[in-house]
Amino acid sequence: MTFPWRPTLREFLLRTREYGLDLRVTHVAFDSPRGVIRFIYVEGENVRIPLPDIDEDEGLTKTVVASLCVDLGIPPEDFGLHPDDALEP
């Protein structure tokens, strides 16, 4: 099965509300000798998941969607993925 659609991070977060999750993107930046280091997280009650450095309107890869689904306990099929595409926690 091909990955039919690449949801943006914003679309993914909106869709997670169907599962009772209230998630947001948090940006944390630190100054370092090599410049600013940015960390991006999806956060909600009792959850904090690091993300690659992406914009909220950028399409997510199949791997990122599968990983987020596993971390959040969301069925990967709801995002067009086959259950075998999901990564083990």
C-alpha atoms as a PDB file:
ATOM      1  CA  MET A   1       0.000   0.000   0.000  1.00  0.00           C
ATOM      2  CA  THR A   2       1.373   3.393  -0.872  1.00  0.00           C
ATOM      3  CA  PHE A   3       1.266   6.264   1.542  1.00  0.00           C
ATOM      4  CA  PRO A   4      -1.689   8.138   0.016  1.00  0.00           C
ATOM      5  CA  TRP A   5      -1.205  11.559   1.526  1.00  0.00           C
ATOM      6  CA  ARG A   6       1.387  13.493   3.455  1.00  0.00           C
ATOM      7  CA  PRO A   7      -0.387  15.399   6.203  1.00  0.00           C
ATOM      8  CA  THR A   8       1.291  18.546   7.400  1.00  0.00           C
ATOM      9  CA  LEU A   9       2.224  18.701  11.061  1.00  0.00           C
ATOM     10  CA  ARG A  10      -0.656  21.148  11.528  1.00  0.00           C
ATOM     11  CA  GLU A  11      -3.134  18.705   9.903  1.00  0.00           C
ATOM     12  CA  PHE A  12      -1.786  15.821  11.972  1.00  0.00           C
ATOM     13  CA  LEU A  13      -2.236  17.753  15.225  1.00  0.00           C
ATOM     14  CA  LEU A  14      -5.788  18.784  14.291  1.00  0.00           C
ATOM     15  CA  ARG A  15      -6.648  15.172  13.532  1.00  0.00           C
ATOM     16  CA  THR A  16      -5.333  13.972  16.898  1.00  0.00           C
ATOM     17  CA  ARG A  17      -8.128  15.921  18.586  1.00  0.00           C
ATOM     18  CA  GLU A  18     -10.455  13.136  17.395  1.00  0.00           C
ATOM     19  CA  TYR A  19      -8.616  10.949  19.930  1.00  0.00           C
ATOM     20  CA  GLY A  20      -9.063  13.416  22.777  1.00  0.00           C
ATOM     21  CA  LEU A  21      -5.512  14.722  22.524  1.00  0.00           C
ATOM     22  CA  ASP A  22      -4.793  18.431  22.872  1.00  0.00           C
ATOM     23  CA  LEU A  23      -1.327  18.745  21.371  1.00  0.00           C
ATOM     24  CA  ARG A  24       0.765  21.762  20.494  1.00  0.00           C
ATOM     25  CA  VAL A  25       4.165  22.437  19.000  1.00  0.00           C
ATOM     26  CA  THR A  26       6.806  23.818  21.334  1.00  0.00           C
ATOM     27  CA  HIS A  27      10.047  25.381  20.125  1.00  0.00           C
ATOM     28  CA  VAL A  28      13.019  25.551  22.453  1.00  0.00           C
ATOM     29  CA  ALA A  29      16.193  27.345  21.402  1.00  0.00           C
ATOM     30  CA  PHE A  30      19.586  27.481  23.067  1.00  0.00           C
ATOM     31  CA  ASP A  31      22.583  29.597  22.218  1.00  0.00           C
ATOM     32  CA  SER A  32      25.716  27.567  21.735  1.00  0.00           C
ATOM     33  CA  PRO A  33      29.238  28.281  20.488  1.00  0.00           C
ATOM     34  CA  ARG A  34      28.097  26.963  17.094  1.00  0.00           C
ATOM     35  CA  GLY A  35      24.956  29.108  16.982  1.00  0.00           C
ATOM     36  CA  VAL A  36      21.347  28.626  17.987  1.00  0.00           C
ATOM     37  CA  ILE A  37      20.203  25.043  18.515  1.00  0.00           C
ATOM     38  CA  ARG A  38      16.466  24.498  18.048  1.00  0.00           C
ATOM     39  CA  PHE A  39      14.417  21.656  19.454  1.00  0.00           C
ATOM     40  CA  ILE A  40      10.835  21.073  18.370  1.00  0.00           C
ATOM     41  CA  TYR A  41       8.386  18.961  20.347  1.00  0.00           C
ATOM     42  CA  VAL A  42       4.782  17.872  20.158  1.00  0.00           C
ATOM     43  CA  GLU A  43       3.475  18.317  23.676  1.00  0.00           C
ATOM     44  CA  GLY A  44       0.306  17.468  25.498  1.00  0.00           C
ATOM     45  CA  GLU A  45      -0.794  16.188  28.855  1.00  0.00           C
ATOM     46  CA  ASN A  46       1.786  13.594  29.937  1.00  0.00           C
ATOM     47  CA  VAL A  47       3.495  13.485  26.534  1.00  0.00           C
ATOM     48  CA  ARG A  48       6.488  15.216  24.938  1.00  0.00           C
ATOM     49  CA  ILE A  49       7.731  13.889  21.607  1.00  0.00           C
ATOM     50  CA  PRO A  50      10.744  15.351  19.807  1.00  0.00           C
ATOM     51  CA  LEU A  51      10.337  16.157  16.117  1.00  0.00           C
ATOM     52  CA  PRO A  52      12.704  16.798  13.264  1.00  0.00           C
ATOM     53  CA  ASP A  53      13.247  20.500  12.526  1.00  0.00           C
ATOM     54  CA  ILE A  54      10.140  21.031  10.377  1.00  0.00           C
ATOM     55  CA  ASP A  55       7.614  23.768   9.813  1.00  0.00           C
ATOM     56  CA  GLU A  56       4.014  23.149  10.885  1.00  0.00           C
ATOM     57  CA  ASP A  57       2.915  23.441   7.239  1.00  0.00           C
ATOM     58  CA  GLU A  58       5.473  20.952   5.924  1.00  0.00           C
ATOM     59  CA  GLY A  59       4.288  17.495   4.872  1.00  0.00           C
ATOM     60  CA  LEU A  60       5.280  14.675   7.213  1.00  0.00           C
ATOM     61  CA  THR A  61       7.051  11.603   5.916  1.00  0.00           C
ATOM     62  CA  LYS A  62       5.600   8.135   6.291  1.00  0.00           C
ATOM     63  CA  THR A  63       8.220   7.353   8.944  1.00  0.00           C
ATOM     64  CA  VAL A  64       7.386  10.434  11.044  1.00  0.00           C
ATOM     65  CA  VAL A  65       3.631   9.747  10.833  1.00  0.00           C
ATOM     66  CA  ALA A  66       4.149   6.088  11.804  1.00  0.00           C
ATOM     67  CA  SER A  67       6.394   7.054  14.704  1.00  0.00           C
ATOM     68  CA  LEU A  68       3.948   9.681  16.009  1.00  0.00           C
ATOM     69  CA  CYS A  69       1.061   7.207  15.751  1.00  0.00           C
ATOM     70  CA  VAL A  70       2.967   4.637  17.819  1.00  0.00           C
ATOM     71  CA  ASP A  71       4.070   7.207  20.403  1.00  0.00           C
ATOM     72  CA  LEU A  72       0.537   8.594  20.762  1.00  0.00           C
ATOM     73  CA  GLY A  73      -1.342   5.276  20.579  1.00  0.00           C
ATOM     74  CA  ILE A  74      -3.200   6.256  17.406  1.00  0.00           C
ATOM     75  CA  PRO A  75      -4.018   3.553  14.837  1.00  0.00           C
ATOM     76  CA  PRO A  76      -1.690   4.125  11.859  1.00  0.00           C
ATOM     77  CA  GLU A  77      -4.505   3.002   9.539  1.00  0.00           C
ATOM     78  CA  ASP A  78      -6.297   6.267  10.343  1.00  0.00           C
ATOM     79  CA  PHE A  79      -3.515   8.063   8.488  1.00  0.00           C
ATOM     80  CA  GLY A  80      -3.467   5.725   5.496  1.00  0.00           C
ATOM     81  CA  LEU A  81      -0.694   3.487   6.773  1.00  0.00           C
ATOM     82  CA  HIS A  82      -0.725  -0.292   6.957  1.00  0.00           C
ATOM     83  CA  PRO A  83      -0.344  -1.624  10.526  1.00  0.00           C
ATOM     84  CA  ASP A  84       2.972  -3.194   9.499  1.00  0.00           C
ATOM     85  CA  ASP A  85       4.248   0.295   8.621  1.00  0.00           C
ATOM     86  CA  ALA A  86       4.106   1.363  12.255  1.00  0.00           C
ATOM     87  CA  LEU A  87       7.329   1.221  14.165  1.00  0.00           C
ATOM     88  CA  GLU A  88       7.620  -0.705  17.388  1.00  0.00           C
ATOM     89  CA  PRO A  89       7.777   1.490  20.504  1.00  0.00           C
END
